[in-house]
Amino acid sequence: MDTQTRHALKQDTFVQATATGLSWLDEHRATVIRASIAIVIVVALFFAALIIYNNRSERAASLFGQAMDIYNTPVAQPGQPAEPGVKTYASAAERAKAAYPLFEEVANKYSWLKEGANARYLAGMTALAMGQSSTGENELKKAADSSNSNVAALAKLSLAGIYHQTGRDPLAIELYQQLIAKPTATVPASLAKLQLAALYESSKPDEAKKLYAEIKDQDKGTAAGQIAAQKLQGATAVPQQ
């Protein structure tokens, strides 16, 4: 077969394929148009959602930043004159009162963002600093259910401390055990063990010593290991006559 013949056959094949395609499009014109419109709508919705997400993320970050600026503002020290141009608060409670509404707003409006999860935990901590123990505990309970494991762990650690301080040790122990079983970057197992051992010191001293010994052996060279070693030395020290 010569070159001219092969070229002609290729052209015939292309023409036939094109004709077949045009015929199919003509028969399914309505379906193609509907599919094209659907694709355009999906793409438009995707970009609209992306724009909304970015706008809300920026708003959440801005509000959270404002709250953190307040939260990190120093508290005036008694008897020391304030530095010119340096913002201070008269007390930690006053500072918490200023920061709490912003944390609460971020937590309520942007709970699905990381700023919202962080804000929920800090809303609990600022409520406690204001002396609103019930509100603080409720905020921390919400934070403890967060899908953000690091925030949830911090909230559980704070809740456990509240439970212990208010005579609800079984609830505190349960939370400490959860934190030991599932450590996170914010609350390592050694920290939860230290807190649990401290709780046990008066009620279950043998359990406390056991936990301190575990920390001492498993976390050598760390601050937790050093604290545990000191606790064990104090527990075994013989009182001077």
Protein backbone atom coordinates (compact mmCIF):
# COMPACT_ATOMS: atom_id res chain seq x y z
CA MET A 1 0.00 0.00 0.00
CA ASP A 2 1.49 3.32 -1.08
CA THR A 3 1.73 6.43 1.09
CA GLN A 4 -1.09 8.27 -0.71
CA THR A 5 -3.49 5.38 -0.20
CA ARG A 6 -2.65 5.08 3.53
CA HIS A 7 -3.16 8.83 3.96
CA ALA A 8 -6.55 8.62 2.26
CA LEU A 9 -7.62 5.74 4.51
CA LYS A 10 -6.63 7.69 7.61
CA GLN A 11 -8.66 10.65 6.43
CA ASP A 12 -11.68 8.40 5.78
CA THR A 13 -11.37 6.91 9.28
CA PHE A 14 -11.16 10.37 10.87
CA VAL A 15 -14.16 11.60 8.87
CA GLN A 16 -16.18 8.54 9.87
CA ALA A 17 -15.27 8.95 13.56
CA THR A 18 -16.14 12.64 13.45
CA ALA A 19 -19.45 11.94 11.77
CA THR A 20 -20.28 9.27 14.33
CA GLY A 21 -19.41 11.61 17.19
CA LEU A 22 -21.51 14.45 15.76
CA SER A 23 -24.40 12.09 15.22
CA TRP A 24 -24.23 10.91 18.87
CA LEU A 25 -24.06 14.51 20.11
CA ASP A 26 -27.07 15.42 18.00
CA GLU A 27 -29.06 12.50 19.42
CA HIS A 28 -28.04 13.25 23.02
CA ARG A 29 -27.90 17.04 22.81
CA ALA A 30 -30.21 17.61 25.80
CA THR A 31 -28.29 15.17 27.99
CA VAL A 32 -24.95 16.75 27.08
CA ILE A 33 -26.27 20.24 27.79
CA ARG A 34 -27.63 19.18 31.19
CA ALA A 35 -24.35 17.45 32.07
CA SER A 36 -22.35 20.53 31.03
CA ILE A 37 -24.55 22.82 33.10
CA ALA A 38 -24.22 20.48 36.09
CA ILE A 39 -20.42 20.53 35.80
CA VAL A 40 -20.38 24.32 35.62
CA ILE A 41 -22.63 24.55 38.70
CA VAL A 42 -20.44 22.13 40.66
CA VAL A 43 -17.29 24.06 39.76
CA ALA A 44 -18.96 27.36 40.67
CA LEU A 45 -20.16 25.97 44.01
CA PHE A 46 -16.67 24.64 44.75
CA PHE A 47 -15.03 28.01 44.20
CA ALA A 48 -17.80 29.80 46.12
CA ALA A 49 -17.31 27.42 49.05
CA LEU A 50 -13.56 27.96 48.87
CA ILE A 51 -13.97 31.73 48.99
CA ILE A 52 -16.40 31.48 51.93
CA TYR A 53 -14.03 29.12 53.77
CA ASN A 54 -11.07 31.45 53.25
CA ASN A 55 -13.06 34.48 54.38
CA ARG A 56 -14.28 32.73 57.51
CA SER A 57 -10.82 31.37 58.24
CA GLU A 58 -9.39 34.87 58.03
CA ARG A 59 -12.14 36.24 60.29
CA ALA A 60 -11.63 33.44 62.81
CA ALA A 61 -7.86 33.98 62.83
CA SER A 62 -8.32 37.73 63.30
CA LEU A 63 -10.76 37.36 66.23
CA PHE A 64 -8.66 34.65 67.83
CA GLY A 65 -5.58 36.83 67.47
CA GLN A 66 -7.34 39.71 69.22
CA ALA A 67 -8.40 37.43 72.06
CA MET A 68 -4.87 36.06 72.42
CA ASP A 69 -3.42 39.58 72.50
CA ILE A 70 -5.67 40.32 75.48
CA TYR A 71 -4.97 36.93 77.09
CA ASN A 72 -1.22 37.56 76.87
CA THR A 73 -1.40 41.14 78.17
CA PRO A 74 0.56 41.40 81.43
CA VAL A 75 -1.13 41.91 84.78
CA ALA A 76 0.04 44.93 86.76
CA GLN A 77 2.23 44.00 89.71
CA PRO A 78 1.23 45.52 93.06
CA GLY A 79 3.51 48.36 94.09
CA GLN A 80 5.15 48.65 90.68
CA PRO A 81 4.33 51.63 88.45
CA ALA A 82 3.06 50.79 84.98
CA GLU A 83 5.47 51.34 82.12
CA PRO A 84 4.45 54.21 79.84
CA GLY A 85 2.68 52.94 76.73
CA VAL A 86 2.42 49.37 78.02
CA LYS A 87 -1.10 47.99 78.35
CA THR A 88 -1.79 46.07 81.57
CA TYR A 89 -4.76 44.72 83.48
CA ALA A 90 -5.35 45.20 87.18
CA SER A 91 -5.89 41.48 87.72
CA ALA A 92 -6.01 38.15 85.93
CA ALA A 93 -9.79 38.12 86.41
CA GLU A 94 -10.13 41.49 84.69
CA ARG A 95 -7.99 40.30 81.80
CA ALA A 96 -10.01 37.09 81.50
CA LYS A 97 -13.23 39.09 81.48
CA ALA A 98 -11.97 41.07 78.47
CA ALA A 99 -10.77 38.01 76.55
CA TYR A 100 -13.66 35.64 77.28
CA PRO A 101 -16.28 37.18 74.92
CA LEU A 102 -13.90 36.97 71.97
CA PHE A 103 -12.95 33.37 72.70
CA GLU A 104 -16.64 32.52 73.06
CA GLU A 105 -17.49 34.18 69.74
CA VAL A 106 -14.77 32.30 67.88
CA ALA A 107 -15.77 29.02 69.53
CA ASN A 108 -19.44 29.46 68.64
CA LYS A 109 -19.03 30.75 65.09
CA TYR A 110 -16.03 28.74 63.93
CA SER A 111 -16.15 25.46 65.86
CA TRP A 112 -15.11 23.53 62.72
CA LEU A 113 -11.83 25.43 62.46
CA LYS A 114 -8.75 24.91 64.62
CA GLU A 115 -9.19 28.44 65.98
CA GLY A 116 -12.67 27.46 67.14
CA ALA A 117 -11.41 24.38 68.97
CA ASN A 118 -8.61 26.34 70.66
CA ALA A 119 -11.02 29.14 71.54
CA ARG A 120 -13.44 26.74 73.24
CA TYR A 121 -10.69 25.51 75.56
CA LEU A 122 -9.50 29.04 76.31
CA ALA A 123 -13.08 30.18 76.90
CA GLY A 124 -13.21 27.58 79.65
CA MET A 125 -9.91 28.70 81.16
CA THR A 126 -10.85 32.38 81.10
CA ALA A 127 -14.26 31.62 82.63
CA LEU A 128 -12.47 29.85 85.49
CA ALA A 129 -10.12 32.81 85.88
CA MET A 130 -13.19 35.05 86.18
CA GLY A 131 -14.49 32.89 89.02
CA GLN A 132 -17.30 31.39 86.93
CA SER A 133 -16.59 27.76 87.80
CA SER A 134 -19.80 26.31 86.37
CA THR A 135 -19.38 28.08 83.03
CA GLY A 136 -15.73 27.15 82.89
CA GLU A 137 -16.45 23.48 83.54
CA ASN A 138 -19.15 23.40 80.84
CA GLU A 139 -16.83 25.05 78.32
CA LEU A 140 -14.08 22.55 79.09
CA LYS A 141 -16.51 19.64 78.71
CA LYS A 142 -17.30 20.87 75.21
CA ALA A 143 -13.59 21.23 74.46
CA ALA A 144 -12.97 17.71 75.78
CA ASP A 145 -15.28 16.40 73.02
CA SER A 146 -13.33 18.21 70.30
CA SER A 147 -12.13 16.26 67.27
CA ASN A 148 -8.80 17.99 67.82
CA SER A 149 -7.09 15.45 70.08
CA ASN A 150 -4.50 17.92 71.40
CA VAL A 151 -7.17 20.40 72.51
CA ALA A 152 -9.38 17.63 73.90
CA ALA A 153 -6.46 16.32 75.98
CA LEU A 154 -5.76 19.74 77.48
CA ALA A 155 -9.42 20.15 78.36
CA LYS A 156 -9.55 16.71 80.01
CA LEU A 157 -6.44 17.50 82.04
CA SER A 158 -8.01 20.75 83.29
CA LEU A 159 -11.31 19.02 83.99
CA ALA A 160 -9.58 16.31 85.99
CA GLY A 161 -7.97 18.99 88.14
CA ILE A 162 -11.38 20.60 88.74
CA TYR A 163 -12.93 17.26 89.65
CA HIS A 164 -10.16 16.52 92.14
CA GLN A 165 -10.43 19.97 93.71
CA THR A 166 -14.19 19.59 94.11
CA GLY A 167 -14.15 16.11 95.64
CA ARG A 168 -15.04 14.15 92.51
CA ASP A 169 -11.98 11.93 92.42
CA PRO A 170 -13.56 8.99 90.52
CA LEU A 171 -14.23 11.33 87.58
CA ALA A 172 -10.72 12.75 87.79
CA ILE A 173 -9.16 9.28 87.87
CA GLU A 174 -11.17 8.22 84.84
CA LEU A 175 -9.90 11.19 82.82
CA TYR A 176 -6.30 10.68 83.91
CA GLN A 177 -6.50 7.04 82.86
CA GLN A 178 -7.88 8.06 79.46
CA LEU A 179 -4.99 10.46 78.99
CA ILE A 180 -2.47 7.80 79.98
CA ALA A 181 -4.00 5.31 77.53
CA LYS A 182 -4.08 7.83 74.67
CA PRO A 183 -1.25 10.35 75.11
CA THR A 184 -0.99 13.39 72.85
CA ALA A 185 1.59 16.01 72.01
CA THR A 186 0.01 18.39 74.53
CA VAL A 187 -0.50 15.86 77.32
CA PRO A 188 2.07 13.03 77.29
CA ALA A 189 1.39 9.93 79.36
CA SER A 190 4.06 10.92 81.91
CA LEU A 191 2.23 14.15 82.72
CA ALA A 192 -1.09 12.39 83.25
CA LYS A 193 0.67 9.78 85.41
CA LEU A 194 2.23 12.51 87.56
CA GLN A 195 -1.16 14.07 88.15
CA LEU A 196 -2.77 10.74 88.93
CA ALA A 197 0.05 9.81 91.31
CA ALA A 198 -0.34 13.14 93.11
CA LEU A 199 -4.06 12.42 93.51
CA TYR A 200 -3.27 8.98 94.93
CA GLU A 201 -0.70 10.23 97.45
CA SER A 202 -3.19 10.65 100.28
CA SER A 203 -5.71 7.95 99.40
CA LYS A 204 -3.59 5.22 97.77
CA PRO A 205 0.08 5.85 98.62
CA ASP A 206 1.21 2.47 97.29
CA GLU A 207 -0.41 3.21 93.92
CA ALA A 208 1.26 6.62 93.92
CA LYS A 209 4.69 5.08 94.52
CA LYS A 210 4.09 2.55 91.76
CA LEU A 211 3.27 5.30 89.28
CA TYR A 212 6.24 7.41 90.33
CA ALA A 213 8.51 4.39 89.89
CA GLU A 214 7.13 3.78 86.37
CA ILE A 215 7.73 7.40 85.39
CA LYS A 216 11.23 7.36 86.89
CA ASP A 217 12.18 4.25 84.90
CA GLN A 218 10.41 5.07 81.65
CA ASP A 219 11.17 8.79 81.43
CA LYS A 220 14.78 8.99 82.58
CA GLY A 221 16.43 12.29 81.82
CA THR A 222 13.14 14.16 81.45
CA ALA A 223 11.55 16.66 83.79
CA ALA A 224 8.80 14.12 84.56
CA GLY A 225 11.39 11.49 85.47
CA GLN A 226 13.21 13.91 87.76
CA ILE A 227 10.01 14.92 89.53
CA ALA A 228 9.06 11.27 90.01
CA ALA A 229 12.51 10.49 91.45
CA GLN A 230 12.20 13.38 93.89
CA LYS A 231 8.75 12.20 94.94
CA LEU A 232 10.08 8.70 95.58
CA GLN A 233 12.99 10.04 97.64
CA GLY A 234 10.58 12.12 99.71
CA ALA A 235 8.30 9.16 100.27
CA THR A 236 11.16 6.93 101.50
CA ALA A 237 13.03 9.53 103.53
CA VAL A 238 13.32 8.72 107.23
CA PRO A 239 12.21 11.62 109.45
CA GLN A 240 14.92 13.06 111.70
CA GLN A 241 14.41 12.54 115.44
